[in-house]
C-alpha atoms as a PDB file:
ATOM      1  CA  MET A   1      38.250  81.026 101.285  1.00  0.00           C
ATOM      2  CA  ASN A   2      34.660  82.312 101.465  1.00  0.00           C
ATOM      3  CA  TRP A   3      31.263  81.014 100.405  1.00  0.00           C
ATOM      4  CA  ASP A   4      31.288  83.131  97.256  1.00  0.00           C
ATOM      5  CA  ASP A   5      34.324  81.157  96.077  1.00  0.00           C
ATOM      6  CA  MET A   6      32.407  77.923  96.681  1.00  0.00           C
ATOM      7  CA  ARG A   7      29.344  79.261  94.897  1.00  0.00           C
ATOM      8  CA  ILE A   8      31.451  80.002  91.814  1.00  0.00           C
ATOM      9  CA  PHE A   9      33.247  76.666  92.035  1.00  0.00           C
ATOM     10  CA  LEU A  10      29.927  74.778  92.212  1.00  0.00           C
ATOM     11  CA  ALA A  11      28.476  76.688  89.281  1.00  0.00           C
ATOM     12  CA  VAL A  12      31.455  75.931  87.030  1.00  0.00           C
ATOM     13  CA  ALA A  13      31.543  72.294  88.141  1.00  0.00           C
ATOM     14  CA  ARG A  14      27.853  71.826  87.353  1.00  0.00           C
ATOM     15  CA  ALA A  15      27.857  73.719  84.066  1.00  0.00           C
ATOM     16  CA  GLU A  16      31.246  72.257  83.041  1.00  0.00           C
ATOM     17  CA  SER A  17      32.003  75.570  81.355  1.00  0.00           C
ATOM     18  CA  LEU A  18      32.640  79.202  82.232  1.00  0.00           C
ATOM     19  CA  THR A  19      29.944  80.336  79.793  1.00  0.00           C
ATOM     20  CA  GLY A  20      27.268  78.136  81.337  1.00  0.00           C
ATOM     21  CA  ALA A  21      28.270  79.136  84.865  1.00  0.00           C
ATOM     22  CA  GLY A  22      28.338  82.793  83.820  1.00  0.00           C
ATOM     23  CA  LYS A  23      24.740  82.577  82.618  1.00  0.00           C
ATOM     24  CA  ALA A  24      23.641  80.938  85.858  1.00  0.00           C
ATOM     25  CA  LEU A  25      25.417  83.479  88.049  1.00  0.00           C
ATOM     26  CA  ARG A  26      25.012  86.448  85.684  1.00  0.00           C
ATOM     27  CA  LEU A  27      28.746  87.049  85.725  1.00  0.00           C
ATOM     28  CA  ASP A  28      31.229  87.517  82.937  1.00  0.00           C
ATOM     29  CA  PRO A  29      32.989  84.231  81.986  1.00  0.00           C
ATOM     30  CA  ALA A  30      36.387  85.952  82.039  1.00  0.00           C
ATOM     31  CA  THR A  31      35.740  87.057  85.622  1.00  0.00           C
ATOM     32  CA  LEU A  32      34.811  83.495  86.560  1.00  0.00           C
ATOM     33  CA  GLY A  33      37.977  82.203  84.937  1.00  0.00           C
ATOM     34  CA  ARG A  34      40.086  84.554  87.029  1.00  0.00           C
ATOM     35  CA  ARG A  35      38.197  83.608  90.200  1.00  0.00           C
ATOM     36  CA  ILE A  36      38.698  79.883  89.572  1.00  0.00           C
ATOM     37  CA  ALA A  37      42.394  80.391  88.840  1.00  0.00           C
ATOM     38  CA  ARG A  38      42.760  82.372  92.064  1.00  0.00           C
ATOM     39  CA  LEU A  39      40.934  79.681  94.041  1.00  0.00           C
ATOM     40  CA  GLU A  40      43.213  76.985  92.627  1.00  0.00           C
ATOM     41  CA  GLU A  41      46.261  79.081  93.494  1.00  0.00           C
ATOM     42  CA  THR A  42      44.981  79.603  97.055  1.00  0.00           C
ATOM     43  CA  LEU A  43      44.332  75.873  97.528  1.00  0.00           C
ATOM     44  CA  GLY A  44      47.508  74.809  95.732  1.00  0.00           C
ATOM     45  CA  ALA A  45      45.567  72.300  93.618  1.00  0.00           C
ATOM     46  CA  ALA A  46      44.167  72.090  90.097  1.00  0.00           C
ATOM     47  CA  LEU A  47      40.415  71.729  90.491  1.00  0.00           C
ATOM     48  CA  PHE A  48      39.538  71.553  86.784  1.00  0.00           C
ATOM     49  CA  ALA A  49      41.010  69.941  83.698  1.00  0.00           C
ATOM     50  CA  ARG A  50      40.554  72.439  80.857  1.00  0.00           C
ATOM     51  CA  SER A  51      39.828  71.152  77.364  1.00  0.00           C
ATOM     52  CA  PRO A  52      37.991  72.305  74.216  1.00  0.00           C
ATOM     53  CA  ARG A  53      34.931  70.501  75.608  1.00  0.00           C
ATOM     54  CA  GLY A  54      34.925  72.579  78.775  1.00  0.00           C
ATOM     55  CA  TYR A  55      35.889  72.322  82.430  1.00  0.00           C
ATOM     56  CA  GLY A  56      35.996  68.807  83.907  1.00  0.00           C
ATOM     57  CA  LEU A  57      36.691  68.164  87.570  1.00  0.00           C
ATOM     58  CA  THR A  58      40.044  66.700  88.529  1.00  0.00           C
ATOM     59  CA  GLU A  59      40.347  64.196  91.374  1.00  0.00           C
ATOM     60  CA  GLU A  60      41.014  67.101  93.745  1.00  0.00           C
ATOM     61  CA  GLY A  61      38.018  68.927  92.312  1.00  0.00           C
ATOM     62  CA  GLU A  62      35.762  65.908  92.871  1.00  0.00           C
ATOM     63  CA  ARG A  63      36.809  65.804  96.545  1.00  0.00           C
ATOM     64  CA  LEU A  64      36.119  69.508  96.973  1.00  0.00           C
ATOM     65  CA  MET A  65      32.793  69.116  95.137  1.00  0.00           C
ATOM     66  CA  ALA A  66      31.566  66.583  97.695  1.00  0.00           C
ATOM     67  CA  ARG A  67      32.394  68.928 100.581  1.00  0.00           C
ATOM     68  CA  ALA A  68      31.016  72.005  98.838  1.00  0.00           C
ATOM     69  CA  VAL A  69      27.686  70.272  98.193  1.00  0.00           C
ATOM     70  CA  GLN A  70      27.492  69.341 101.880  1.00  0.00           C
ATOM     71  CA  ALA A  71      28.138  72.964 102.829  1.00  0.00           C
ATOM     72  CA  GLU A  72      25.513  74.145 100.344  1.00  0.00           C
ATOM     73  CA  GLN A  73      23.031  71.697 101.817  1.00  0.00           C
ATOM     74  CA  ALA A  74      23.754  72.838 105.374  1.00  0.00           C
ATOM     75  CA  LEU A  75      23.278  76.468 104.338  1.00  0.00           C
ATOM     76  CA  ALA A  76      19.943  75.671 102.691  1.00  0.00           C
ATOM     77  CA  GLU A  77      18.759  73.850 105.815  1.00  0.00           C
ATOM     78  CA  GLY A  78      19.757  76.823 107.956  1.00  0.00           C
ATOM     79  CA  VAL A  79      17.791  79.218 105.751  1.00  0.00           C
ATOM     80  CA  GLU A  80      14.747  76.965 105.965  1.00  0.00           C
ATOM     81  CA  ASP A  81      14.980  76.863 109.758  1.00  0.00           C
ATOM     82  CA  LEU A  82      14.998  80.647 109.888  1.00  0.00           C
ATOM     83  CA  ARG A  83      12.056  80.990 107.515  1.00  0.00           C
ATOM     84  CA  GLY A  84      10.046  78.282 109.184  1.00  0.00           C
ATOM     85  CA  GLN A  85       8.313  75.386 107.492  1.00  0.00           C
ATOM     86  CA  GLU A  86       4.812  76.892 107.325  1.00  0.00           C
ATOM     87  CA  GLY A  87       3.380  79.425 104.922  1.00  0.00           C
ATOM     88  CA  GLN A  88       3.826  79.805 101.201  1.00  0.00           C
ATOM     89  CA  LEU A  89       6.676  78.349  99.190  1.00  0.00           C
ATOM     90  CA  THR A  90       9.240  80.836  97.904  1.00  0.00           C
ATOM     91  CA  GLY A  91      12.437  80.843  95.896  1.00  0.00           C
ATOM     92  CA  ALA A  92      13.328  78.912  92.739  1.00  0.00           C
ATOM     93  CA  VAL A  93      12.826  75.204  92.056  1.00  0.00           C
ATOM     94  CA  ARG A  94      14.226  73.576  88.927  1.00  0.00           C
ATOM     95  CA  ILE A  95      12.626  70.409  87.531  1.00  0.00           C
ATOM     96  CA  GLY A  96      14.278  68.203  84.918  1.00  0.00           C
ATOM     97  CA  ALA A  97      11.947  66.158  82.739  1.00  0.00           C
ATOM     98  CA  PRO A  98      11.667  64.458  79.359  1.00  0.00           C
ATOM     99  CA  ASP A  99       9.758  66.661  76.952  1.00  0.00           C
ATOM    100  CA  GLY A 100       6.543  64.608  76.950  1.00  0.00           C
ATOM    101  CA  VAL A 101       5.751  65.356  80.588  1.00  0.00           C
ATOM    102  CA  ALA A 102       7.434  68.774  80.314  1.00  0.00           C
ATOM    103  CA  ASN A 103       5.179  69.868  77.451  1.00  0.00           C
ATOM    104  CA  PHE A 104       1.841  68.300  78.255  1.00  0.00           C
ATOM    105  CA  LEU A 105       1.706  68.005  82.061  1.00  0.00           C
ATOM    106  CA  LEU A 106       4.135  70.244  83.911  1.00  0.00           C
ATOM    107  CA  PRO A 107       3.076  73.667  82.539  1.00  0.00           C
ATOM    108  CA  GLN A 108      -0.420  73.538  83.993  1.00  0.00           C
ATOM    109  CA  VAL A 109       0.687  71.735  87.177  1.00  0.00           C
ATOM    110  CA  ALA A 110       3.501  74.230  87.857  1.00  0.00           C
ATOM    111  CA  ALA A 111       1.210  77.185  87.100  1.00  0.00           C
ATOM    112  CA  ALA A 112      -1.337  75.954  89.642  1.00  0.00           C
ATOM    113  CA  ILE A 113       1.351  75.574  92.313  1.00  0.00           C
ATOM    114  CA  CYS A 114       2.627  79.092  91.588  1.00  0.00           C
ATOM    115  CA  ASP A 115      -0.917  80.470  91.763  1.00  0.00           C
ATOM    116  CA  ALA A 116      -1.072  79.253  95.361  1.00  0.00           C
ATOM    117  CA  ASN A 117       2.518  80.375  96.093  1.00  0.00           C
ATOM    118  CA  PRO A 118       3.171  83.764  94.402  1.00  0.00           C
ATOM    119  CA  GLY A 119       6.731  83.959  95.729  1.00  0.00           C
ATOM    120  CA  LEU A 120       7.720  80.695  94.034  1.00  0.00           C
ATOM    121  CA  GLU A 121       9.694  80.418  90.773  1.00  0.00           C
ATOM    122  CA  VAL A 122       9.513  77.149  88.816  1.00  0.00           C
ATOM    123  CA  GLN A 123      12.023  76.305  86.095  1.00  0.00           C
ATOM    124  CA  ILE A 124      11.334  73.361  83.765  1.00  0.00           C
ATOM    125  CA  VAL A 125      14.326  71.903  81.928  1.00  0.00           C
ATOM    126  CA  ALA A 126      12.946  69.744  79.099  1.00  0.00           C
ATOM    127  CA  LEU A 127      15.718  67.495  77.835  1.00  0.00           C
ATOM    128  CA  PRO A 128      15.623  63.929  76.482  1.00  0.00           C
ATOM    129  CA  ARG A 129      18.209  62.489  78.856  1.00  0.00           C
ATOM    130  CA  VAL A 130      18.891  61.427  82.439  1.00  0.00           C
ATOM    131  CA  PHE A 131      19.589  64.351  84.792  1.00  0.00           C
ATOM    132  CA  ASN A 132      22.574  64.395  87.128  1.00  0.00           C
ATOM    133  CA  LEU A 133      21.145  65.506  90.461  1.00  0.00           C
ATOM    134  CA  SER A 134      24.488  65.083  92.223  1.00  0.00           C
ATOM    135  CA  ARG A 135      25.796  67.948  90.091  1.00  0.00           C
ATOM    136  CA  ARG A 136      22.575  69.854  90.829  1.00  0.00           C
ATOM    137  CA  GLU A 137      21.492  70.110  87.210  1.00  0.00           C
ATOM    138  CA  ALA A 138      18.025  70.255  88.752  1.00  0.00           C
ATOM    139  CA  ASP A 139      16.481  70.162  92.219  1.00  0.00           C
ATOM    140  CA  MET A 140      14.426  67.137  91.209  1.00  0.00           C
ATOM    141  CA  ALA A 141      13.696  65.194  88.056  1.00  0.00           C
ATOM    142  CA  ILE A 142      10.887  63.173  86.555  1.00  0.00           C
ATOM    143  CA  ALA A 143      11.925  59.959  84.845  1.00  0.00           C
ATOM    144  CA  VAL A 144      10.246  56.981  83.153  1.00  0.00           C
ATOM    145  CA  SER A 145      12.285  54.390  85.019  1.00  0.00           C
ATOM    146  CA  PRO A 146      13.802  54.434  88.535  1.00  0.00           C
ATOM    147  CA  PRO A 147      17.588  54.862  88.753  1.00  0.00           C
ATOM    148  CA  LYS A 148      19.557  51.922  90.095  1.00  0.00           C
ATOM    149  CA  THR A 149      22.571  53.809  91.474  1.00  0.00           C
ATOM    150  CA  GLY A 150      23.340  57.004  93.339  1.00  0.00           C
ATOM    151  CA  ARG A 151      22.306  58.598  96.627  1.00  0.00           C
ATOM    152  CA  LEU A 152      18.796  59.297  95.406  1.00  0.00           C
ATOM    153  CA  THR A 153      15.248  58.998  96.651  1.00  0.00           C
ATOM    154  CA  VAL A 154      12.651  57.662  94.228  1.00  0.00           C
ATOM    155  CA  GLN A 155       8.893  58.069  94.416  1.00  0.00           C
ATOM    156  CA  LYS A 156       6.463  56.625  91.883  1.00  0.00           C
ATOM    157  CA  ILE A 157       4.092  59.364  90.726  1.00  0.00           C
ATOM    158  CA  ALA A 158       1.624  57.674  88.380  1.00  0.00           C
ATOM    159  CA  ASP A 159       1.092  55.165  85.612  1.00  0.00           C
ATOM    160  CA  TYR A 160       0.155  56.433  82.162  1.00  0.00           C
ATOM    161  CA  ARG A 161      -0.928  54.859  78.896  1.00  0.00           C
ATOM    162  CA  LEU A 162       0.102  55.188  75.261  1.00  0.00           C
ATOM    163  CA  HIS A 163      -1.536  54.082  72.003  1.00  0.00           C
ATOM    164  CA  LEU A 164      -0.780  53.987  68.308  1.00  0.00           C
ATOM    165  CA  ALA A 165      -2.374  57.005  66.640  1.00  0.00           C
ATOM    166  CA  ALA A 166      -2.604  58.882  63.348  1.00  0.00           C
ATOM    167  CA  ALA A 167      -4.472  61.799  61.818  1.00  0.00           C
ATOM    168  CA  ARG A 168      -7.859  60.924  60.366  1.00  0.00           C
ATOM    169  CA  ASP A 169      -6.890  62.353  56.978  1.00  0.00           C
ATOM    170  CA  TYR A 170      -3.757  60.172  56.897  1.00  0.00           C
ATOM    171  CA  LEU A 171      -5.840  57.064  57.501  1.00  0.00           C
ATOM    172  CA  ASP A 172      -8.336  58.112  54.812  1.00  0.00           C
ATOM    173  CA  ARG A 173      -5.502  58.437  52.253  1.00  0.00           C
ATOM    174  CA  HIS A 174      -3.727  55.146  52.965  1.00  0.00           C
ATOM    175  CA  PRO A 175      -4.468  51.396  53.005  1.00  0.00           C
ATOM    176  CA  PRO A 176      -6.645  50.162  55.883  1.00  0.00           C
ATOM    177  CA  ILE A 177      -4.974  48.839  59.031  1.00  0.00           C
ATOM    178  CA  ARG A 178      -6.595  45.697  60.411  1.00  0.00           C
ATOM    179  CA  GLY A 179      -3.608  44.182  62.211  1.00  0.00           C
ATOM    180  CA  LEU A 180       0.042  44.743  63.127  1.00  0.00           C
ATOM    181  CA  ALA A 181       1.196  43.192  59.864  1.00  0.00           C
ATOM    182  CA  ASP A 182      -0.501  46.016  57.952  1.00  0.00           C
ATOM    183  CA  LEU A 183       1.848  48.554  59.551  1.00  0.00           C
ATOM    184  CA  ARG A 184       4.586  47.518  57.134  1.00  0.00           C
ATOM    185  CA  ALA A 185       2.749  49.421  54.403  1.00  0.00           C
ATOM    186  CA  HIS A 186       2.703  52.629  56.420  1.00  0.00           C
ATOM    187  CA  ARG A 187       5.148  55.345  57.412  1.00  0.00           C
ATOM    188  CA  LEU A 188       6.044  55.281  61.103  1.00  0.00           C
ATOM    189  CA  VAL A 189       7.015  58.202  63.303  1.00  0.00           C
ATOM    190  CA  GLY A 190       9.124  57.688  66.433  1.00  0.00           C
ATOM    191  CA  TYR A 191      12.374  58.235  68.283  1.00  0.00           C
ATOM    192  CA  ILE A 192      15.794  58.297  66.622  1.00  0.00           C
ATOM    193  CA  PRO A 193      16.914  54.741  67.517  1.00  0.00           C
ATOM    194  CA  ASP A 194      20.422  55.598  68.741  1.00  0.00           C
ATOM    195  CA  MET A 195      19.113  58.540  70.835  1.00  0.00           C
ATOM    196  CA  ILE A 196      16.643  56.562  72.933  1.00  0.00           C
ATOM    197  CA  PHE A 197      18.079  57.309  76.389  1.00  0.00           C
ATOM    198  CA  ASP A 198      15.812  54.918  78.301  1.00  0.00           C
ATOM    199  CA  PRO A 199      14.664  51.452  77.152  1.00  0.00           C
ATOM    200  CA  GLU A 200      11.156  52.318  78.387  1.00  0.00           C
ATOM    201  CA  LEU A 201      10.900  54.747  75.449  1.00  0.00           C
ATOM    202  CA  ASP A 202      11.578  52.120  72.788  1.00  0.00           C
ATOM    203  CA  TYR A 203       7.882  51.831  71.992  1.00  0.00           C
ATOM    204  CA  LEU A 204       7.968  50.845  68.335  1.00  0.00           C
ATOM    205  CA  SER A 205      10.262  47.855  68.801  1.00  0.00           C
ATOM    206  CA  GLU A 206       7.708  46.574  71.290  1.00  0.00           C
ATOM    207  CA  ILE A 207       5.154  46.293  68.490  1.00  0.00           C
ATOM    208  CA  GLY A 208       7.643  44.787  66.047  1.00  0.00           C
ATOM    209  CA  ALA A 209       8.305  47.874  63.939  1.00  0.00           C
ATOM    210  CA  GLU A 210      11.338  47.335  61.706  1.00  0.00           C
ATOM    211  CA  ARG A 211      11.816  50.829  60.300  1.00  0.00           C
ATOM    212  CA  VAL A 212      11.093  54.376  61.455  1.00  0.00           C
ATOM    213  CA  THR A 213      10.850  56.756  58.500  1.00  0.00           C
ATOM    214  CA  LEU A 214      10.408  60.005  60.424  1.00  0.00           C
ATOM    215  CA  SER A 215      12.281  60.204  63.725  1.00  0.00           C
ATOM    216  CA  SER A 216      13.134  62.779  66.359  1.00  0.00           C
ATOM    217  CA  ASN A 217      14.377  62.806  69.930  1.00  0.00           C
ATOM    218  CA  SER A 218      11.471  65.164  70.732  1.00  0.00           C
ATOM    219  CA  VAL A 219       7.960  63.959  71.549  1.00  0.00           C
ATOM    220  CA  SER A 220       6.604  67.335  70.427  1.00  0.00           C
ATOM    221  CA  VAL A 221       8.187  67.005  66.978  1.00  0.00           C
ATOM    222  CA  GLN A 222       6.759  63.505  66.643  1.00  0.00           C
ATOM    223  CA  LEU A 223       3.290  64.710  67.638  1.00  0.00           C
ATOM    224  CA  ASN A 224       3.425  67.544  65.118  1.00  0.00           C
ATOM    225  CA  TRP A 225       4.336  65.093  62.368  1.00  0.00           C
ATOM    226  CA  LEU A 226       1.319  63.004  63.272  1.00  0.00           C
ATOM    227  CA  ARG A 227      -0.958  66.067  63.376  1.00  0.00           C
ATOM    228  CA  ALA A 228       0.302  66.971  59.898  1.00  0.00           C
ATOM    229  CA  GLY A 229      -0.769  63.566  58.596  1.00  0.00           C
ATOM    230  CA  ALA A 230       2.793  62.321  58.056  1.00  0.00           C
ATOM    231  CA  GLY A 231       2.309  58.799  59.434  1.00  0.00           C
ATOM    232  CA  LEU A 232       1.533  56.700  62.503  1.00  0.00           C
ATOM    233  CA  GLY A 233       3.237  56.778  65.890  1.00  0.00           C
ATOM    234  CA  ILE A 234       2.913  56.026  69.566  1.00  0.00           C
ATOM    235  CA  VAL A 235       1.217  58.867  71.480  1.00  0.00           C
ATOM    236  CA  HIS A 236       0.730  59.474  75.193  1.00  0.00           C
ATOM    237  CA  ASP A 237      -2.962  59.369  76.034  1.00  0.00           C
ATOM    238  CA  PHE A 238      -2.488  62.553  78.055  1.00  0.00           C
ATOM    239  CA  ALA A 239      -1.225  64.321  74.906  1.00  0.00           C
ATOM    240  CA  MET A 240      -4.220  63.303  72.767  1.00  0.00           C
ATOM    241  CA  PRO A 241      -6.445  66.226  73.893  1.00  0.00           C
ATOM    242  CA  ALA A 242      -3.778  68.612  72.539  1.00  0.00           C
ATOM    243  CA  ALA A 243      -4.140  67.030  69.094  1.00  0.00           C
ATOM    244  CA  PRO A 244      -7.882  66.550  68.505  1.00  0.00           C
ATOM    245  CA  GLY A 245      -7.323  65.495  64.890  1.00  0.00           C
ATOM    246  CA  LEU A 246      -5.622  62.272  65.971  1.00  0.00           C
ATOM    247  CA  VAL A 247      -7.407  58.946  66.410  1.00  0.00           C
ATOM    248  CA  ARG A 248      -6.229  55.708  67.969  1.00  0.00           C
ATOM    249  CA  VAL A 249      -5.246  52.868  65.666  1.00  0.00           C
ATOM    250  CA  LEU A 250      -5.559  49.205  66.692  1.00  0.00           C
ATOM    251  CA  PRO A 251      -6.337  50.148  70.313  1.00  0.00           C
ATOM    252  CA  GLY A 252      -7.165  46.550  71.144  1.00  0.00           C
ATOM    253  CA  GLN A 253      -3.753  45.339  69.923  1.00  0.00           C
ATOM    254  CA  VAL A 254      -1.441  48.273  70.765  1.00  0.00           C
ATOM    255  CA  SER A 255      -1.845  49.561  74.317  1.00  0.00           C
ATOM    256  CA  LEU A 256       1.271  50.382  76.327  1.00  0.00           C
ATOM    257  CA  SER A 257       1.658  51.295  79.983  1.00  0.00           C
ATOM    258  CA  ARG A 258       4.525  53.209  81.565  1.00  0.00           C
ATOM    259  CA  SER A 259       5.185  55.055  84.839  1.00  0.00           C
ATOM    260  CA  PHE A 260       6.555  58.387  85.986  1.00  0.00           C
ATOM    261  CA  TYR A 261       8.970  58.586  88.927  1.00  0.00           C
ATOM    262  CA  LEU A 262      10.083  61.616  90.898  1.00  0.00           C
ATOM    263  CA  ILE A 263      13.830  61.517  91.580  1.00  0.00           C
ATOM    264  CA  ARG A 264      15.501  63.628  94.259  1.00  0.00           C
ATOM    265  CA  HIS A 265      18.970  63.790  95.791  1.00  0.00           C
ATOM    266  CA  GLY A 266      19.044  61.796  99.032  1.00  0.00           C
ATOM    267  CA  ASP A 267      20.145  64.776 101.127  1.00  0.00           C
ATOM    268  CA  ASP A 268      17.141  66.838 100.016  1.00  0.00           C
ATOM    269  CA  ARG A 269      14.809  64.850 102.246  1.00  0.00           C
ATOM    270  CA  LYS A 270      15.875  67.227 105.042  1.00  0.00           C
ATOM    271  CA  LEU A 271      14.677  70.285 103.130  1.00  0.00           C
ATOM    272  CA  ALA A 272      11.050  70.921 104.052  1.00  0.00           C
ATOM    273  CA  ARG A 273      10.527  73.403 101.207  1.00  0.00           C
ATOM    274  CA  LEU A 274      11.563  70.936  98.510  1.00  0.00           C
ATOM    275  CA  SER A 275       9.647  68.120 100.179  1.00  0.00           C
ATOM    276  CA  ARG A 276       6.488  70.217 100.219  1.00  0.00           C
ATOM    277  CA  PHE A 277       6.985  71.162  96.577  1.00  0.00           C
ATOM    278  CA  ALA A 278       7.654  67.526  95.638  1.00  0.00           C
ATOM    279  CA  GLY A 279       4.397  66.517  97.275  1.00  0.00           C
ATOM    280  CA  LEU A 280       2.421  69.179  95.411  1.00  0.00           C
ATOM    281  CA  LEU A 281       4.139  68.300  92.134  1.00  0.00           C
ATOM    282  CA  SER A 282       3.433  64.573  92.449  1.00  0.00           C
ATOM    283  CA  GLU A 283      -0.182  65.176  93.407  1.00  0.00           C
ATOM    284  CA  GLY A 284      -0.640  67.615  90.528  1.00  0.00           C
ATOM    285  CA  VAL A 285       0.932  65.371  87.876  1.00  0.00           C
ATOM    286  CA  ARG A 286      -1.110  62.399  89.087  1.00  0.00           C
ATOM    287  CA  ALA A 287      -4.347  64.364  88.875  1.00  0.00           C
ATOM    288  CA  GLU A 288      -3.489  65.876  85.464  1.00  0.00           C
ATOM    289  CA  VAL A 289      -2.676  62.469  83.940  1.00  0.00           C
ATOM    290  CA  ALA A 290      -6.050  61.174  85.130  1.00  0.00           C
ATOM    291  CA  ARG A 291      -7.899  64.247  83.839  1.00  0.00           C
ATOM    292  CA  LEU A 292      -6.309  64.264  80.377  1.00  0.00           C
ATOM    293  CA  GLU A 293      -6.516  60.513  79.877  1.00  0.00           C
ATOM    294  CA  ALA A 294     -10.248  60.722  80.627  1.00  0.00           C
ATOM    295  CA  LEU A 295     -10.550  63.245  77.749  1.00  0.00           C
ATOM    296  CA  ALA A 296      -8.508  61.217  75.264  1.00  0.00           C
END
């Protein structure tokens, strides 16, 4: 067995499909299938359970996964030792994040980090769900609530605020809003209720909203509805500068506060490169939230 076999095994285990692993490794899925079959034959164990949904790890595969991740970690530490801890950051770093922070904060923060580190590649995966760092879906993730399980390290980045908002032309065309009770006469924009992946995102229930007429799992879609004058919704203060036509509604009665957390795999604390990047990322997000909220 060689490291290339482990690299392929890890890619398939994390992608849970030959197609996804093939894209990550830039290899043909059929080639990967043959390599996995050969590895299983060599080890005398079925590592994956094949199904129409993809490749899931068997019990034997889970055991090998734990060891392969340890080997991958040791290799990364060895490379860092050879390169040294000083100088510019290089290589690729993948960040998982919900699309609010991914759309309105991370682009400018990541660009500034790359400006100072030309050899660095930053990948932002914007998905409305919790990321599995144990399977290395990302090197680190930003979340709106700290995880309660797993071998993870958690660092609070910053608090941020949200308010009820609507387009000025929407408010001009509809009955006045003087209190929360008046919201019943208006169309609300928000998350699809059964796709809210974190209770911290259930904003509208916090203000007693009974019905969401226009809903999406994407913050960007919600914001575009509001910009188009489709209704009222909860908006991040840091997103308000990107939609200058929006105004706050009932700011004295509807003012929410949430927090961002940076989540990393526990073993990554030994990797100086990722730790340095995590520090720059946290500092940048914190500063960008403050800057944009001051403009809102």
